[in-house]
Amino acid sequence: MKILVSKLIKVSVFLLSFGAIAETQAQQVEVRILDFENFEPFLHKNNDTIYVINFWASWCVPCIKELPDFEKLNVKYADKNFKMILVSLDFKRTLDSKLIPFITEKNLKASVLLLHAPDANAWINKVNPSWSGAIPATLIYKNEFRLFHEGGYTYSELDKIVKPLIN
């Protein structure tokens, strides 16, 4: 009986410590919440860095489909002058209940911002005048080079655009 109790205690301690590790990892997910005024400077950086800014949401099926390709590109160019910013259009009230668990589950390593700008009509044209507001949508830029695309990307399509800007 003592052996059984001892094993149960060890298993309980292990499970509790595993839970603490999982909780700590989930807490390490950082999502900055920005209104459009504070987000807008991310659209106009003028330096030697390539910026890939993807507008998405955790409830958007085409967005979810392309995220692994964005992550793969993020990993490939992590040691270059390259910055990927995943701009979530999820609702602010779902940050803790949906967005952070989604980021953790998908193991997203790129920077994630939550754009809290409910009046999309006030800012969509500032991102790009041709944008209807549909997601996914992506802005890729470096200095004077700017490419905006409404719709999804594959890894090869992204890499074909970014690679020449790196070299």
C-alpha atoms as a PDB file:
ATOM      1  CA  MET A   1       0.000   0.000   0.000  1.00  0.00           C
ATOM      2  CA  LYS A   2       2.879   2.380   0.814  1.00  0.00           C
ATOM      3  CA  ILE A   3       4.407   1.769  -2.631  1.00  0.00           C
ATOM      4  CA  LEU A   4       1.102   2.490  -4.344  1.00  0.00           C
ATOM      5  CA  VAL A   5       0.615   5.727  -2.363  1.00  0.00           C
ATOM      6  CA  SER A   6       4.214   6.749  -3.076  1.00  0.00           C
ATOM      7  CA  LYS A   7       3.741   6.162  -6.819  1.00  0.00           C
ATOM      8  CA  LEU A   8       0.466   8.105  -6.782  1.00  0.00           C
ATOM      9  CA  ILE A   9       2.192  11.025  -5.074  1.00  0.00           C
ATOM     10  CA  LYS A  10       5.038  10.960  -7.616  1.00  0.00           C
ATOM     11  CA  VAL A  11       2.598  10.837 -10.518  1.00  0.00           C
ATOM     12  CA  SER A  12       0.553  13.678  -8.995  1.00  0.00           C
ATOM     13  CA  VAL A  13       3.669  15.821  -8.505  1.00  0.00           C
ATOM     14  CA  PHE A  14       4.735  15.087 -12.091  1.00  0.00           C
ATOM     15  CA  LEU A  15       1.322  16.002 -13.473  1.00  0.00           C
ATOM     16  CA  LEU A  16       1.136  19.152 -11.378  1.00  0.00           C
ATOM     17  CA  SER A  17       4.599  20.254 -12.511  1.00  0.00           C
ATOM     18  CA  PHE A  18       3.689  19.466 -16.125  1.00  0.00           C
ATOM     19  CA  GLY A  19       0.591  21.596 -15.744  1.00  0.00           C
ATOM     20  CA  ALA A  20       2.704  24.420 -14.357  1.00  0.00           C
ATOM     21  CA  ILE A  21       5.070  24.144 -17.318  1.00  0.00           C
ATOM     22  CA  ALA A  22       2.194  24.187 -19.780  1.00  0.00           C
ATOM     23  CA  GLU A  23       0.676  27.173 -17.978  1.00  0.00           C
ATOM     24  CA  THR A  24       4.032  28.999 -17.994  1.00  0.00           C
ATOM     25  CA  GLN A  25       4.458  28.374 -21.718  1.00  0.00           C
ATOM     26  CA  ALA A  26       0.968  29.655 -22.422  1.00  0.00           C
ATOM     27  CA  GLN A  27       1.706  32.765 -20.375  1.00  0.00           C
ATOM     28  CA  GLN A  28       4.812  33.463 -22.475  1.00  0.00           C
ATOM     29  CA  VAL A  29       2.652  34.273 -25.504  1.00  0.00           C
ATOM     30  CA  GLU A  30       2.820  38.010 -25.943  1.00  0.00           C
ATOM     31  CA  VAL A  31       0.186  39.810 -27.960  1.00  0.00           C
ATOM     32  CA  ARG A  32       0.278  43.571 -28.076  1.00  0.00           C
ATOM     33  CA  ILE A  33      -3.119  45.211 -28.452  1.00  0.00           C
ATOM     34  CA  LEU A  34      -2.952  48.323 -30.599  1.00  0.00           C
ATOM     35  CA  ASP A  35      -5.431  50.790 -31.993  1.00  0.00           C
ATOM     36  CA  PHE A  36      -4.818  51.840 -35.590  1.00  0.00           C
ATOM     37  CA  GLU A  37      -3.049  55.067 -34.646  1.00  0.00           C
ATOM     38  CA  ASN A  38      -0.405  53.090 -32.732  1.00  0.00           C
ATOM     39  CA  PHE A  39      -0.260  50.340 -35.353  1.00  0.00           C
ATOM     40  CA  GLU A  40       0.106  52.599 -38.404  1.00  0.00           C
ATOM     41  CA  PRO A  41       3.876  53.228 -37.968  1.00  0.00           C
ATOM     42  CA  PHE A  42       4.432  49.494 -38.630  1.00  0.00           C
ATOM     43  CA  LEU A  43       3.222  50.156 -42.189  1.00  0.00           C
ATOM     44  CA  HIS A  44       5.870  52.766 -42.940  1.00  0.00           C
ATOM     45  CA  LYS A  45       9.247  51.738 -41.548  1.00  0.00           C
ATOM     46  CA  ASN A  46      12.093  53.014 -43.697  1.00  0.00           C
ATOM     47  CA  ASN A  47      15.156  50.871 -43.057  1.00  0.00           C
ATOM     48  CA  ASP A  48      16.926  47.820 -44.502  1.00  0.00           C
ATOM     49  CA  THR A  49      14.368  45.383 -43.107  1.00  0.00           C
ATOM     50  CA  ILE A  50      11.792  43.507 -45.157  1.00  0.00           C
ATOM     51  CA  TYR A  51       8.389  43.614 -43.502  1.00  0.00           C
ATOM     52  CA  VAL A  52       5.701  41.020 -44.083  1.00  0.00           C
ATOM     53  CA  ILE A  53       2.487  42.145 -42.438  1.00  0.00           C
ATOM     54  CA  ASN A  54      -0.318  39.623 -42.611  1.00  0.00           C
ATOM     55  CA  PHE A  55      -3.877  40.513 -41.595  1.00  0.00           C
ATOM     56  CA  TRP A  56      -5.731  37.440 -40.364  1.00  0.00           C
ATOM     57  CA  ALA A  57      -8.086  36.074 -37.712  1.00  0.00           C
ATOM     58  CA  SER A  58      -8.275  32.790 -35.825  1.00  0.00           C
ATOM     59  CA  TRP A  59     -11.809  32.210 -37.180  1.00  0.00           C
ATOM     60  CA  CYS A  60     -10.769  32.705 -40.842  1.00  0.00           C
ATOM     61  CA  VAL A  61     -10.268  29.337 -42.563  1.00  0.00           C
ATOM     62  CA  PRO A  62      -8.083  30.632 -45.453  1.00  0.00           C
ATOM     63  CA  CYS A  63      -5.984  32.550 -42.904  1.00  0.00           C
ATOM     64  CA  ILE A  64      -5.408  29.444 -40.816  1.00  0.00           C
ATOM     65  CA  LYS A  65      -4.511  27.478 -43.930  1.00  0.00           C
ATOM     66  CA  GLU A  66      -1.700  29.856 -44.891  1.00  0.00           C
ATOM     67  CA  LEU A  67      -0.220  30.468 -41.418  1.00  0.00           C
ATOM     68  CA  PRO A  68       2.179  27.482 -41.559  1.00  0.00           C
ATOM     69  CA  ASP A  69       3.651  28.900 -44.786  1.00  0.00           C
ATOM     70  CA  PHE A  70       4.157  32.281 -43.130  1.00  0.00           C
ATOM     71  CA  GLU A  71       5.807  30.588 -40.146  1.00  0.00           C
ATOM     72  CA  LYS A  72       8.084  28.598 -42.448  1.00  0.00           C
ATOM     73  CA  LEU A  73       9.168  31.831 -44.147  1.00  0.00           C
ATOM     74  CA  ASN A  74       9.652  33.483 -40.762  1.00  0.00           C
ATOM     75  CA  VAL A  75      12.012  30.691 -39.698  1.00  0.00           C
ATOM     76  CA  LYS A  76      13.903  30.735 -43.004  1.00  0.00           C
ATOM     77  CA  TYR A  77      14.742  34.430 -42.779  1.00  0.00           C
ATOM     78  CA  ALA A  78      14.984  34.778 -38.995  1.00  0.00           C
ATOM     79  CA  ASP A  79      18.691  35.642 -39.177  1.00  0.00           C
ATOM     80  CA  LYS A  80      18.204  38.252 -41.931  1.00  0.00           C
ATOM     81  CA  ASN A  81      16.818  41.787 -41.946  1.00  0.00           C
ATOM     82  CA  PHE A  82      13.315  40.383 -41.961  1.00  0.00           C
ATOM     83  CA  LYS A  83      10.322  41.028 -39.749  1.00  0.00           C
ATOM     84  CA  MET A  84       7.031  39.177 -39.903  1.00  0.00           C
ATOM     85  CA  ILE A  85       4.067  40.683 -38.129  1.00  0.00           C
ATOM     86  CA  LEU A  86       0.834  38.731 -37.880  1.00  0.00           C
ATOM     87  CA  VAL A  87      -1.941  41.254 -37.304  1.00  0.00           C
ATOM     88  CA  SER A  88      -4.926  39.545 -35.757  1.00  0.00           C
ATOM     89  CA  LEU A  89      -8.346  41.029 -36.385  1.00  0.00           C
ATOM     90  CA  ASP A  90      -9.910  38.860 -33.690  1.00  0.00           C
ATOM     91  CA  PHE A  91     -12.147  40.538 -31.154  1.00  0.00           C
ATOM     92  CA  LYS A  92     -10.298  42.015 -28.180  1.00  0.00           C
ATOM     93  CA  ARG A  93     -12.659  40.261 -25.775  1.00  0.00           C
ATOM     94  CA  THR A  94     -11.493  36.858 -27.111  1.00  0.00           C
ATOM     95  CA  LEU A  95      -7.778  37.505 -26.529  1.00  0.00           C
ATOM     96  CA  ASP A  96      -7.467  35.158 -23.550  1.00  0.00           C
ATOM     97  CA  SER A  97     -10.192  32.680 -24.453  1.00  0.00           C
ATOM     98  CA  LYS A  98      -9.410  32.144 -28.162  1.00  0.00           C
ATOM     99  CA  LEU A  99      -6.450  34.042 -29.604  1.00  0.00           C
ATOM    100  CA  ILE A 100      -3.726  33.161 -27.115  1.00  0.00           C
ATOM    101  CA  PRO A 101      -4.733  29.471 -27.022  1.00  0.00           C
ATOM    102  CA  PHE A 102      -4.770  29.488 -30.855  1.00  0.00           C
ATOM    103  CA  ILE A 103      -1.271  31.004 -31.006  1.00  0.00           C
ATOM    104  CA  THR A 104      -0.036  28.434 -28.497  1.00  0.00           C
ATOM    105  CA  GLU A 105      -1.683  25.514 -30.300  1.00  0.00           C
ATOM    106  CA  LYS A 106      -0.280  26.569 -33.686  1.00  0.00           C
ATOM    107  CA  ASN A 107       3.110  27.362 -32.123  1.00  0.00           C
ATOM    108  CA  LEU A 108       3.283  30.741 -33.866  1.00  0.00           C
ATOM    109  CA  LYS A 109       6.697  32.349 -33.434  1.00  0.00           C
ATOM    110  CA  ALA A 110       6.189  35.490 -35.532  1.00  0.00           C
ATOM    111  CA  SER A 111       5.193  38.681 -33.745  1.00  0.00           C
ATOM    112  CA  VAL A 112       1.449  38.813 -33.202  1.00  0.00           C
ATOM    113  CA  LEU A 113      -0.417  42.077 -32.755  1.00  0.00           C
ATOM    114  CA  LEU A 114      -4.111  42.382 -32.048  1.00  0.00           C
ATOM    115  CA  LEU A 115      -5.496  45.328 -33.973  1.00  0.00           C
ATOM    116  CA  HIS A 116      -8.332  46.771 -31.935  1.00  0.00           C
ATOM    117  CA  ALA A 117      -9.808  49.225 -34.420  1.00  0.00           C
ATOM    118  CA  PRO A 118     -13.512  48.419 -34.674  1.00  0.00           C
ATOM    119  CA  ASP A 119     -14.263  51.021 -37.370  1.00  0.00           C
ATOM    120  CA  ALA A 120     -12.499  49.233 -40.238  1.00  0.00           C
ATOM    121  CA  ASN A 121     -13.835  51.758 -42.740  1.00  0.00           C
ATOM    122  CA  ALA A 122     -11.672  54.388 -41.043  1.00  0.00           C
ATOM    123  CA  TRP A 123      -8.376  52.555 -41.554  1.00  0.00           C
ATOM    124  CA  ILE A 124      -8.554  49.927 -44.332  1.00  0.00           C
ATOM    125  CA  ASN A 125      -7.728  52.449 -47.074  1.00  0.00           C
ATOM    126  CA  LYS A 126      -4.727  53.611 -45.043  1.00  0.00           C
ATOM    127  CA  VAL A 127      -3.280  50.120 -45.330  1.00  0.00           C
ATOM    128  CA  ASN A 128      -3.997  49.989 -49.046  1.00  0.00           C
ATOM    129  CA  PRO A 129      -6.626  51.848 -51.114  1.00  0.00           C
ATOM    130  CA  SER A 130      -7.447  48.705 -53.110  1.00  0.00           C
ATOM    131  CA  TRP A 131      -8.199  46.590 -50.016  1.00  0.00           C
ATOM    132  CA  SER A 132     -11.850  45.589 -49.716  1.00  0.00           C
ATOM    133  CA  GLY A 133     -11.278  44.512 -46.111  1.00  0.00           C
ATOM    134  CA  ALA A 134     -11.338  40.776 -46.855  1.00  0.00           C
ATOM    135  CA  ILE A 135      -8.799  38.569 -45.095  1.00  0.00           C
ATOM    136  CA  PRO A 136      -6.279  37.168 -45.393  1.00  0.00           C
ATOM    137  CA  ALA A 137      -4.447  40.169 -46.745  1.00  0.00           C
ATOM    138  CA  THR A 138      -0.716  40.822 -46.768  1.00  0.00           C
ATOM    139  CA  LEU A 139       1.556  43.807 -47.170  1.00  0.00           C
ATOM    140  CA  ILE A 140       5.196  43.142 -48.048  1.00  0.00           C
ATOM    141  CA  TYR A 141       7.538  46.084 -48.153  1.00  0.00           C
ATOM    142  CA  LYS A 142      11.127  47.247 -47.942  1.00  0.00           C
ATOM    143  CA  ASN A 143      11.862  50.941 -48.361  1.00  0.00           C
ATOM    144  CA  GLU A 144      10.158  51.988 -51.627  1.00  0.00           C
ATOM    145  CA  PHE A 145       9.090  48.451 -52.610  1.00  0.00           C
ATOM    146  CA  ARG A 146       5.468  47.806 -51.580  1.00  0.00           C
ATOM    147  CA  LEU A 147       3.257  44.906 -52.543  1.00  0.00           C
ATOM    148  CA  PHE A 148      -0.242  44.429 -51.189  1.00  0.00           C
ATOM    149  CA  HIS A 149      -2.188  41.236 -51.817  1.00  0.00           C
ATOM    150  CA  GLU A 150      -5.732  40.433 -50.786  1.00  0.00           C
ATOM    151  CA  GLY A 151      -6.112  36.669 -50.529  1.00  0.00           C
ATOM    152  CA  GLY A 152      -3.912  33.789 -49.512  1.00  0.00           C
ATOM    153  CA  TYR A 153      -0.277  33.008 -50.193  1.00  0.00           C
ATOM    154  CA  THR A 154       1.643  29.772 -50.397  1.00  0.00           C
ATOM    155  CA  TYR A 155       5.175  29.423 -49.092  1.00  0.00           C
ATOM    156  CA  SER A 156       6.659  29.367 -52.597  1.00  0.00           C
ATOM    157  CA  GLU A 157       4.728  32.508 -53.584  1.00  0.00           C
ATOM    158  CA  LEU A 158       5.939  34.319 -50.477  1.00  0.00           C
ATOM    159  CA  ASP A 159       9.512  33.162 -50.890  1.00  0.00           C
ATOM    160  CA  LYS A 160       9.533  34.229 -54.535  1.00  0.00           C
ATOM    161  CA  ILE A 161       8.712  37.788 -53.417  1.00  0.00           C
ATOM    162  CA  VAL A 162      10.921  37.975 -50.329  1.00  0.00           C
ATOM    163  CA  LYS A 163      14.074  36.206 -51.531  1.00  0.00           C
ATOM    164  CA  PRO A 164      15.137  38.892 -54.045  1.00  0.00           C
ATOM    165  CA  LEU A 165      14.611  41.564 -51.404  1.00  0.00           C
ATOM    166  CA  ILE A 166      16.936  39.722 -49.018  1.00  0.00           C
ATOM    167  CA  ASN A 167      19.785  39.496 -51.526  1.00  0.00           C
END
